[in-house]
Amino acid sequence: MDGKKFDLNIEKILEDWEVYHAIREVIANAIDEEILTGTKKIEIFKDKKRLWHIRDFGRGLRYEHLTQKEDEEKLKNPNVIGKFGIGLKDALATFDRKRVKVFIKSRHGDITLGKSEKHDFEDVITLHAYIHPPSDFNSIGTEFILEGCTGKDIEKAKDLFLRFSGEKILEPTQYGEVLEKKEETARIYVNGVKVAEEEGFIFSYNITSLTKAIRKALNRERTNVGRSAYSERVKSILLSCKSKIIAKSLVNDLKGYQDGTLHDELTWTDVSVHACKLLNSLEKVVFFTPEELMYATDMVDKARSDGYEIVTIPENIKEKIRGLRDISGNLIRDMDQFKREWNESFEFKFIDEKDMTPKEKEIFRMTDAIISFIGGKPRKVREIKISETMRLESHSFTEASGLWEESTGRIIIKRGQLRSLKDYAGTLLHEIVHAKSGASDVSSEFEQQLTSLIGIIVSKAIGG
């Protein structure tokens, strides 16, 4: 075979590699050259002779590039795929083992493969690259021409790259990109090359800022990298996200906490908390636990009627977000915060007697008669008013039936209490007790029974 012989010095052959693994390395080198030189995108195509071509438009491969050593240029660029100059030699060895013929063209020379004796050791036959004068001195970049590989090999190799996989970038961050999964299994990419799969992840990820753990885990095969190597970086990517689509996907996934369908990213508490902070700043939401949804139905209805979206979160996350501020500096609106905000913004809607129904007027005009049972209106009480709206009870999540305002000297009773003398009389005397004693409610059960009893006594005494 003509041409200068260049011993590839391959000592360890990757027996598990298939043809598509070797094609992956050729594509990776081509993409790296594209990135380093800023030239146009690489081309992958089949010619009329059914030969496959992989071509970049960079500076052109030299035989020196077949030497196994660290590439300083690649080491300084964080976005390239290769680092150690090993992948190409592994690819060439795999092509030879799988009987795929390789022809490499650049303006610096043409390269083919063949077996020859090792220098000074004629009994040892090794794989050599044969260096020929360039067939095209005006050639731009490097072109690999492969004979013996299939379209399936090419597609399997291309599918290992983000640029060919069809996965949509949902949000880029300084540490990498969150990707929309195209299949049930999520993928982990490092600088655009797949290194692992995750069955339990909600997103795929492309890590572009590598940690020491990732660099150490990226072996020659660049496959089956363990989660321990990249989990912290994936977490950093998620904690850097600011978009609504990521926040809503994460928070909606929290609903799976109860039935055990939670994706693995949401088992990281700080990711769940960040999702709540993010969603709180982007949308009008109130966070409820499953238990709160059952016993605080009035609060849920109020939130919905005020235009809030109800978001369900586990109790452990509720504890973590209590009192926290979102990324915009606002307090996260859980049920307790919503209740505080609702009461602070509350306004009474007072009803004049002239606007009451005949039955309501009849009951309301018995006010003095009711109060007479306890010796008349206390001096503290300046007026008694009826309101369509009421603040929420301090000990529950429903509107109060009545209210004693010490600062204004007003007793305010909800209009609905005028539906019967018993309800109105009970609530009125209940609030007068607060006015006279200055004491707060002891328990809701006790107060309800007391109010009902007082109302029954007074209504019977008056004859209602």
Protein backbone atom coordinates (compact mmCIF):
# COMPACT_ATOMS: atom_id res chain seq x y z
CA MET A 1 0.00 0.00 0.00
CA ASP A 2 1.43 3.35 -1.04
CA GLY A 3 1.85 6.33 1.27
CA LYS A 4 3.69 7.02 4.48
CA LYS A 5 2.81 4.70 7.33
CA PHE A 6 1.65 6.18 10.65
CA ASP A 7 1.36 3.66 13.50
CA LEU A 8 -1.83 4.39 15.42
CA ASN A 9 -0.41 2.68 18.53
CA ILE A 10 -3.77 1.40 19.68
CA GLU A 11 -3.15 -0.82 22.66
CA LYS A 12 -6.67 -1.24 24.02
CA ILE A 13 -9.56 -1.89 21.66
CA LEU A 14 -13.08 -1.05 22.81
CA GLU A 15 -14.64 -4.42 22.09
CA ASP A 16 -18.16 -3.23 22.96
CA TRP A 17 -18.16 -0.46 20.36
CA GLU A 18 -20.39 -0.85 17.36
CA VAL A 19 -20.08 1.01 14.05
CA TYR A 20 -22.42 3.77 15.23
CA HIS A 21 -20.13 4.47 18.21
CA ALA A 22 -17.27 5.08 15.79
CA ILE A 23 -19.46 7.29 13.60
CA ARG A 24 -20.40 9.24 16.73
CA GLU A 25 -16.72 10.11 17.29
CA VAL A 26 -16.29 11.29 13.71
CA ILE A 27 -19.40 13.48 14.01
CA ALA A 28 -18.20 14.81 17.38
CA ASN A 29 -14.84 15.82 15.91
CA ALA A 30 -16.59 17.51 13.00
CA ILE A 31 -18.89 19.46 15.33
CA ASP A 32 -15.90 20.49 17.47
CA GLU A 33 -14.12 21.86 14.41
CA GLU A 34 -17.29 23.73 13.44
CA ILE A 35 -17.43 25.32 16.92
CA LEU A 36 -13.72 26.12 17.11
CA THR A 37 -13.52 27.71 13.65
CA GLY A 38 -16.99 29.24 13.44
CA THR A 39 -17.52 27.66 10.04
CA LYS A 40 -20.81 26.44 8.59
CA LYS A 41 -22.65 23.40 9.90
CA ILE A 42 -21.30 19.96 9.18
CA GLU A 43 -22.82 17.80 6.45
CA ILE A 44 -23.80 14.12 6.63
CA PHE A 45 -25.01 12.55 3.40
CA LYS A 46 -24.96 9.46 1.16
CA ASP A 47 -23.64 9.73 -2.40
CA LYS A 48 -24.72 7.93 -5.55
CA LYS A 49 -22.25 5.12 -4.85
CA ARG A 50 -24.01 4.52 -1.49
CA LEU A 51 -20.99 5.79 0.42
CA TRP A 52 -21.60 7.90 3.52
CA HIS A 53 -19.86 11.26 3.94
CA ILE A 54 -19.28 13.24 7.14
CA ARG A 55 -17.76 16.62 6.40
CA ASP A 56 -16.81 19.76 8.28
CA PHE A 57 -15.57 23.03 6.79
CA GLY A 58 -12.74 23.82 9.17
CA ARG A 59 -8.97 23.75 8.88
CA GLY A 60 -8.54 20.18 7.68
CA LEU A 61 -7.23 17.09 9.45
CA ARG A 62 -3.46 16.55 9.66
CA TYR A 63 -1.79 13.25 10.44
CA GLU A 64 -0.46 14.85 13.66
CA HIS A 65 -4.04 14.81 14.94
CA LEU A 66 -3.83 11.03 15.10
CA THR A 67 -1.36 11.32 17.98
CA GLN A 68 -2.93 10.48 21.35
CA LYS A 69 -2.55 13.55 23.53
CA GLU A 70 -4.60 16.26 25.19
CA ASP A 71 -5.69 18.99 22.83
CA GLU A 72 -4.93 22.35 24.46
CA GLU A 73 -7.28 24.20 22.15
CA LYS A 74 -10.16 21.92 23.06
CA LEU A 75 -9.31 22.03 26.75
CA LYS A 76 -9.64 25.83 26.71
CA ASN A 77 -13.02 25.77 24.98
CA PRO A 78 -15.86 24.68 27.32
CA ASN A 79 -18.33 23.99 24.51
CA VAL A 80 -16.51 21.34 22.51
CA ILE A 81 -17.10 17.64 22.91
CA GLY A 82 -13.68 15.97 22.64
CA LYS A 83 -10.77 16.58 24.98
CA PHE A 84 -8.11 13.90 24.80
CA GLY A 85 -7.57 13.03 21.15
CA ILE A 86 -8.47 9.43 21.83
CA GLY A 87 -11.90 9.18 20.25
CA LEU A 88 -10.79 9.36 16.63
CA LYS A 89 -8.26 6.54 17.06
CA ASP A 90 -10.90 4.42 18.82
CA ALA A 91 -13.23 5.10 15.91
CA LEU A 92 -10.66 4.08 13.32
CA ALA A 93 -9.92 0.87 15.20
CA THR A 94 -13.64 0.07 15.38
CA PHE A 95 -14.11 0.71 11.67
CA ASP A 96 -11.25 -1.68 10.94
CA ARG A 97 -12.64 -4.35 13.27
CA LYS A 98 -16.12 -4.02 11.75
CA ARG A 99 -14.76 -4.01 8.18
CA VAL A 100 -15.86 -0.50 7.34
CA LYS A 101 -13.48 1.12 4.85
CA VAL A 102 -12.44 4.66 5.67
CA PHE A 103 -11.10 7.35 3.36
CA ILE A 104 -10.23 10.72 4.91
CA LYS A 105 -9.72 13.79 2.72
CA SER A 106 -8.30 17.21 3.55
CA ARG A 107 -6.02 19.71 1.83
CA HIS A 108 -3.21 18.40 4.01
CA GLY A 109 -3.43 14.85 2.69
CA ASP A 110 -5.56 11.78 2.13
CA ILE A 111 -5.63 9.04 4.78
CA THR A 112 -6.57 5.36 4.51
CA LEU A 113 -6.19 2.45 6.96
CA GLY A 114 -4.21 -0.76 6.72
CA LYS A 115 -2.33 -3.37 8.73
CA SER A 116 1.47 -3.32 8.82
CA GLU A 117 4.37 -4.49 10.96
CA LYS A 118 5.29 -2.33 13.90
CA HIS A 119 8.51 -0.34 13.47
CA ASP A 120 11.52 -2.48 14.53
CA PHE A 121 9.14 -5.36 15.40
CA GLU A 122 8.34 -7.13 12.16
CA ASP A 123 6.48 -9.93 13.92
CA VAL A 124 3.93 -7.52 15.41
CA ILE A 125 1.17 -6.40 13.03
CA THR A 126 -0.76 -3.27 14.04
CA LEU A 127 -3.22 -0.84 12.53
CA HIS A 128 -1.62 2.00 10.60
CA ALA A 129 -2.85 5.11 8.90
CA TYR A 130 -1.44 5.54 5.39
CA ILE A 131 -0.77 9.18 4.55
CA HIS A 132 -1.05 10.15 0.88
CA PRO A 133 -0.63 13.49 -0.92
CA PRO A 134 -3.92 15.39 -1.06
CA SER A 135 -6.18 14.48 -3.96
CA ASP A 136 -7.65 17.99 -3.76
CA PHE A 137 -5.32 20.84 -2.69
CA ASN A 138 -8.30 23.22 -2.63
CA SER A 139 -10.40 21.06 -0.37
CA ILE A 140 -12.01 22.89 2.57
CA GLY A 141 -12.27 21.14 5.93
CA THR A 142 -12.19 17.38 6.49
CA GLU A 143 -14.30 14.73 4.81
CA PHE A 144 -14.71 11.17 6.07
CA ILE A 145 -15.99 8.74 3.43
CA LEU A 146 -17.28 5.45 4.83
CA GLU A 147 -17.93 2.27 2.86
CA GLY A 148 -19.68 -0.62 4.55
CA CYS A 149 -21.81 1.18 7.13
CA THR A 150 -25.60 1.37 6.89
CA GLY A 151 -28.15 4.13 7.09
CA LYS A 152 -29.23 2.64 10.42
CA ASP A 153 -25.67 3.05 11.75
CA ILE A 154 -25.69 6.70 10.70
CA GLU A 155 -29.10 7.40 12.26
CA LYS A 156 -28.17 5.69 15.55
CA ALA A 157 -25.02 7.81 15.71
CA LYS A 158 -26.86 11.04 14.88
CA ASP A 159 -29.49 10.28 17.51
CA LEU A 160 -26.78 10.54 20.17
CA PHE A 161 -26.44 14.27 19.44
CA LEU A 162 -28.82 16.93 20.66
CA ARG A 163 -28.70 18.79 17.36
CA PHE A 164 -30.11 15.76 15.56
CA SER A 165 -32.36 14.26 18.28
CA GLY A 166 -35.20 16.73 17.84
CA GLU A 167 -35.50 17.57 21.56
CA LYS A 168 -36.74 21.12 22.06
CA ILE A 169 -34.83 23.50 24.33
CA LEU A 170 -37.28 24.77 26.96
CA GLU A 171 -34.89 27.10 28.78
CA PRO A 172 -31.15 27.81 28.59
CA THR A 173 -29.18 28.66 31.76
CA GLN A 174 -25.55 29.37 32.62
CA TYR A 175 -25.09 25.70 33.56
CA GLY A 176 -26.93 24.04 30.70
CA GLU A 177 -30.29 23.62 29.03
CA VAL A 178 -33.59 22.10 30.09
CA LEU A 179 -35.01 20.03 27.23
CA GLU A 180 -38.45 18.70 26.48
CA LYS A 181 -38.41 14.90 26.52
CA LYS A 182 -39.32 13.39 23.19
CA GLU A 183 -39.75 9.91 24.68
CA GLU A 184 -40.64 8.35 28.04
CA THR A 185 -36.97 8.12 28.98
CA ALA A 186 -35.12 11.37 29.60
CA ARG A 187 -31.64 11.97 28.22
CA ILE A 188 -28.58 13.57 29.76
CA TYR A 189 -26.29 15.32 27.28
CA VAL A 190 -22.89 16.84 27.91
CA ASN A 191 -22.11 19.57 25.38
CA GLY A 192 -24.71 18.09 23.08
CA VAL A 193 -23.64 14.41 23.27
CA LYS A 194 -25.78 11.87 25.11
CA VAL A 195 -24.00 10.28 28.07
CA ALA A 196 -26.87 8.76 30.08
CA GLU A 197 -30.60 8.06 30.24
CA GLU A 198 -33.00 8.66 33.13
CA GLU A 199 -36.35 6.88 33.42
CA GLY A 200 -37.52 8.98 36.37
CA PHE A 201 -36.76 12.51 35.15
CA ILE A 202 -39.43 14.94 33.96
CA PHE A 203 -37.03 16.72 31.58
CA SER A 204 -33.95 15.95 29.52
CA TYR A 205 -30.85 18.09 30.10
CA ASN A 206 -27.83 19.32 28.18
CA ILE A 207 -24.99 20.14 30.57
CA THR A 208 -22.67 22.78 29.16
CA SER A 209 -20.79 23.79 32.32
CA LEU A 210 -18.89 20.72 33.47
CA THR A 211 -17.94 19.94 37.06
CA LYS A 212 -14.88 17.96 38.13
CA ALA A 213 -17.15 14.99 38.82
CA ILE A 214 -18.52 15.07 35.28
CA ARG A 215 -15.09 15.43 33.69
CA LYS A 216 -13.84 12.49 35.73
CA ALA A 217 -16.86 10.36 34.77
CA LEU A 218 -16.55 11.03 31.03
CA ASN A 219 -14.65 7.92 30.06
CA ARG A 220 -13.50 7.00 26.55
CA GLU A 221 -16.87 5.51 25.75
CA ARG A 222 -18.88 8.54 26.92
CA THR A 223 -21.79 6.27 27.84
CA ASN A 224 -23.51 5.14 31.03
CA VAL A 225 -22.25 8.05 33.12
CA GLY A 226 -23.74 7.65 36.61
CA ARG A 227 -26.26 10.08 38.13
CA SER A 228 -23.93 10.90 41.00
CA ALA A 229 -21.64 12.61 38.50
CA TYR A 230 -24.22 15.02 37.09
CA SER A 231 -27.07 15.32 39.64
CA GLU A 232 -25.66 18.48 41.25
CA ARG A 233 -25.30 20.12 37.85
CA VAL A 234 -28.85 19.19 36.85
CA LYS A 235 -30.02 20.68 40.14
CA SER A 236 -28.06 23.87 39.39
CA ILE A 237 -29.72 24.10 35.98
CA LEU A 238 -33.20 23.84 37.51
CA LEU A 239 -32.43 26.34 40.29
CA SER A 240 -31.33 28.81 37.61
CA CYS A 241 -34.56 28.53 35.61
CA LYS A 242 -36.88 31.53 35.49
CA SER A 243 -39.51 30.58 32.92
CA LYS A 244 -43.19 29.86 33.53
CA ILE A 245 -43.13 26.63 31.54
CA ILE A 246 -40.49 25.09 33.80
CA ALA A 247 -42.14 26.34 36.99
CA LYS A 248 -45.59 25.02 36.04
CA SER A 249 -44.24 21.64 34.94
CA LEU A 250 -42.39 21.20 38.23
CA VAL A 251 -45.21 22.39 40.46
CA ASN A 252 -47.83 20.35 38.58
CA ASP A 253 -45.62 17.33 39.07
CA LEU A 254 -45.80 17.88 42.84
CA LYS A 255 -49.37 16.58 42.63
CA GLY A 256 -47.83 13.15 42.15
CA TYR A 257 -46.50 13.29 45.72
CA GLN A 258 -49.69 11.75 47.11
CA ASP A 259 -49.97 8.86 44.65
CA GLY A 260 -46.25 8.12 44.27
CA THR A 261 -45.86 9.32 40.67
CA LEU A 262 -43.50 12.18 41.53
CA HIS A 263 -40.57 12.55 39.13
CA ASP A 264 -37.08 12.33 40.58
CA GLU A 265 -36.21 16.04 40.24
CA LEU A 266 -39.04 16.89 42.63
CA THR A 267 -37.54 14.70 45.36
CA TRP A 268 -34.92 17.44 45.65
CA THR A 269 -36.60 19.77 48.14
CA ASP A 270 -34.74 22.88 47.03
CA VAL A 271 -35.94 22.31 43.46
CA SER A 272 -39.56 22.05 44.62
CA VAL A 273 -39.21 25.20 46.71
CA HIS A 274 -37.62 27.07 43.81
CA ALA A 275 -40.49 26.02 41.54
CA CYS A 276 -42.98 27.48 44.05
CA LYS A 277 -40.99 30.71 44.29
CA LEU A 278 -40.86 30.97 40.54
CA LEU A 279 -44.53 30.23 39.91
CA ASN A 280 -45.60 32.62 42.68
CA SER A 281 -43.75 35.46 40.95
CA LEU A 282 -45.08 34.63 37.49
CA GLU A 283 -48.73 33.75 38.07
CA LYS A 284 -51.66 34.47 40.38
CA VAL A 285 -51.60 31.29 42.47
CA VAL A 286 -52.37 30.06 45.98
CA PHE A 287 -50.65 26.95 47.32
CA PHE A 288 -52.81 24.48 49.28
CA THR A 289 -51.97 21.11 50.77
CA PRO A 290 -54.36 18.19 50.02
CA GLU A 291 -55.66 18.40 53.61
CA GLU A 292 -56.34 22.14 53.32
CA LEU A 293 -58.31 21.55 50.13
CA MET A 294 -60.69 19.35 52.13
CA TYR A 295 -61.25 21.41 55.29
CA ALA A 296 -60.84 24.95 53.95
CA THR A 297 -63.30 24.78 51.08
CA ASP A 298 -64.50 28.35 51.68
CA MET A 299 -60.95 29.61 51.30
CA VAL A 300 -60.53 27.61 48.09
CA ASP A 301 -63.74 29.11 46.71
CA LYS A 302 -62.67 32.64 47.67
CA ALA A 303 -59.30 32.19 46.01
CA ARG A 304 -60.89 30.91 42.82
CA SER A 305 -63.52 33.66 42.77
CA ASP A 306 -60.71 36.21 43.11
CA GLY A 307 -59.04 34.78 40.01
CA TYR A 308 -56.32 32.67 41.68
CA GLU A 309 -55.20 29.27 40.41
CA ILE A 310 -55.17 26.61 43.12
CA VAL A 311 -51.88 24.67 43.23
CA THR A 312 -51.58 21.56 45.38
CA ILE A 313 -48.28 20.93 47.19
CA PRO A 314 -47.15 18.35 49.79
CA GLU A 315 -47.14 19.27 53.46
CA ASN A 316 -43.33 19.14 53.68
CA ILE A 317 -43.03 21.74 50.90
CA LYS A 318 -45.69 23.90 52.60
CA GLU A 319 -43.47 24.01 55.69
CA LYS A 320 -40.47 25.02 53.58
CA ILE A 321 -42.18 27.90 51.74
CA ARG A 322 -44.00 29.36 54.76
CA GLY A 323 -42.85 32.96 55.15
CA LEU A 324 -40.47 32.79 52.15
CA ARG A 325 -40.36 35.39 49.40
CA ASP A 326 -40.42 34.57 45.71
CA ILE A 327 -37.82 35.65 43.15
CA SER A 328 -39.59 39.01 42.80
CA GLY A 329 -39.43 39.67 46.53
CA ASN A 330 -43.10 38.97 47.30
CA LEU A 331 -44.26 36.62 50.03
CA ILE A 332 -45.21 33.21 48.69
CA ARG A 333 -48.99 32.94 48.81
CA ASP A 334 -49.89 29.77 50.66
CA MET A 335 -53.34 29.45 52.23
CA ASP A 336 -52.34 31.32 55.41
CA GLN A 337 -50.80 34.20 53.46
CA PHE A 338 -53.88 34.40 51.23
CA LYS A 339 -56.08 34.65 54.29
CA ARG A 340 -53.97 37.48 55.70
CA GLU A 341 -54.02 39.34 52.38
CA TRP A 342 -57.77 38.82 52.04
CA ASN A 343 -58.50 40.24 55.49
CA GLU A 344 -56.11 43.16 55.01
CA SER A 345 -57.81 44.16 51.75
CA PHE A 346 -61.31 43.49 53.07
CA GLU A 347 -64.02 46.15 52.94
CA PHE A 348 -67.43 45.93 54.61
CA LYS A 349 -70.50 46.33 52.43
CA PHE A 350 -72.98 47.85 54.85
CA ILE A 351 -76.75 47.57 54.30
CA ASP A 352 -79.19 50.32 55.30
CA GLU A 353 -82.46 49.29 56.88
CA LYS A 354 -84.37 50.73 53.93
CA ASP A 355 -82.62 48.25 51.62
CA MET A 356 -83.57 45.20 53.72
CA THR A 357 -86.35 42.78 52.87
CA PRO A 358 -89.55 43.06 54.96
CA LYS A 359 -88.60 39.98 57.01
CA GLU A 360 -85.05 41.33 57.59
CA LYS A 361 -86.50 44.67 58.74
CA GLU A 362 -88.86 42.90 61.14
CA ILE A 363 -86.01 40.99 62.77
CA PHE A 364 -83.58 43.92 62.79
CA ARG A 365 -86.14 46.16 64.56
CA MET A 366 -86.14 43.70 67.46
CA THR A 367 -82.56 44.72 68.30
CA ASP A 368 -83.51 46.80 71.36
CA ALA A 369 -85.85 44.10 72.64
CA ILE A 370 -83.08 41.51 72.37
CA ILE A 371 -80.56 43.71 74.15
CA SER A 372 -83.08 44.41 76.92
CA PHE A 373 -82.68 40.83 78.10
CA ILE A 374 -79.16 41.72 79.29
CA GLY A 375 -79.97 45.14 80.67
CA GLY A 376 -79.62 47.23 77.51
CA LYS A 377 -76.79 48.15 75.16
CA PRO A 378 -73.37 48.40 76.83
CA ARG A 379 -71.81 51.88 76.81
CA LYS A 380 -68.88 50.56 74.71
CA VAL A 381 -71.23 49.67 71.86
CA ARG A 382 -71.87 52.79 69.78
CA GLU A 383 -73.73 51.23 66.88
CA ILE A 384 -74.93 47.94 65.42
CA LYS A 385 -74.54 47.51 61.66
CA ILE A 386 -75.42 44.87 59.07
CA SER A 387 -72.92 43.95 56.27
CA GLU A 388 -73.15 41.83 53.14
CA THR A 389 -69.49 40.88 53.56
CA MET A 390 -67.47 39.78 56.61
CA ARG A 391 -63.88 39.12 57.50
CA LEU A 392 -62.69 35.57 57.95
CA GLU A 393 -62.80 33.98 61.38
CA SER A 394 -59.43 34.03 63.14
CA HIS A 395 -59.71 30.36 64.10
CA SER A 396 -61.23 29.00 60.88
CA PHE A 397 -61.47 29.73 57.17
CA THR A 398 -65.10 30.85 56.92
CA GLU A 399 -66.67 34.29 57.11
CA ALA A 400 -67.55 35.41 60.62
CA SER A 401 -71.24 35.66 61.54
CA GLY A 402 -70.56 38.69 63.69
CA LEU A 403 -67.74 40.96 64.75
CA TRP A 404 -66.99 43.28 67.66
CA GLU A 405 -64.73 46.19 66.63
CA GLU A 406 -63.37 47.69 69.82
CA SER A 407 -61.53 50.47 67.97
CA THR A 408 -64.77 51.82 66.44
CA GLY A 409 -67.26 50.60 69.04
CA ARG A 410 -69.23 48.78 66.35
CA ILE A 411 -70.94 45.43 66.35
CA ILE A 412 -71.13 44.21 62.75
CA ILE A 413 -73.40 41.29 61.87
CA LYS A 414 -73.51 39.41 58.60
CA ARG A 415 -76.71 40.00 56.66
CA GLY A 416 -77.37 36.29 56.40
CA GLN A 417 -78.04 36.17 60.14
CA LEU A 418 -81.25 38.12 59.57
CA ARG A 419 -82.81 35.04 58.01
CA SER A 420 -84.14 34.10 61.47
CA LEU A 421 -84.60 35.74 64.84
CA LYS A 422 -82.71 32.91 66.50
CA ASP A 423 -79.61 33.44 64.33
CA TYR A 424 -79.65 37.21 64.65
CA ALA A 425 -80.33 37.30 68.40
CA GLY A 426 -77.67 34.68 69.10
CA THR A 427 -75.01 36.48 67.07
CA LEU A 428 -75.91 39.90 68.51
CA LEU A 429 -75.66 38.73 72.14
CA HIS A 430 -72.52 36.78 71.31
CA GLU A 431 -70.78 39.96 70.15
CA ILE A 432 -72.12 41.95 73.10
CA VAL A 433 -70.49 39.37 75.37
CA HIS A 434 -67.19 40.10 73.58
CA ALA A 435 -67.76 43.84 74.01
CA LYS A 436 -68.55 43.54 77.72
CA SER A 437 -65.78 41.04 78.55
CA GLY A 438 -63.06 42.01 76.11
CA ALA A 439 -62.37 38.27 75.76
CA SER A 440 -61.73 36.39 72.54
CA ASP A 441 -63.32 33.13 71.46
CA VAL A 442 -62.14 30.09 73.40
CA SER A 443 -63.01 27.42 70.84
CA SER A 444 -65.22 27.33 67.77
CA GLU A 445 -67.24 24.39 69.11
CA PHE A 446 -67.98 26.12 72.41
CA GLU A 447 -68.82 29.40 70.73
CA GLN A 448 -71.21 27.80 68.27
CA GLN A 449 -73.09 25.99 71.02
CA LEU A 450 -73.24 29.12 73.17
CA THR A 451 -74.50 31.27 70.30
CA SER A 452 -77.18 28.74 69.38
CA LEU A 453 -78.39 28.42 72.97
CA ILE A 454 -78.63 32.15 73.49
CA GLY A 455 -80.53 32.55 70.23
CA ILE A 456 -83.05 29.84 71.17
CA ILE A 457 -83.73 31.36 74.61
CA VAL A 458 -84.22 34.88 73.29
CA SER A 459 -86.38 33.82 70.34
CA LYS A 460 -88.66 31.85 72.66
CA ALA A 461 -88.83 34.67 75.18
CA ILE A 462 -89.86 37.17 72.50
CA GLY A 463 -92.19 34.63 70.92
CA GLY A 464 -90.51 34.49 67.52
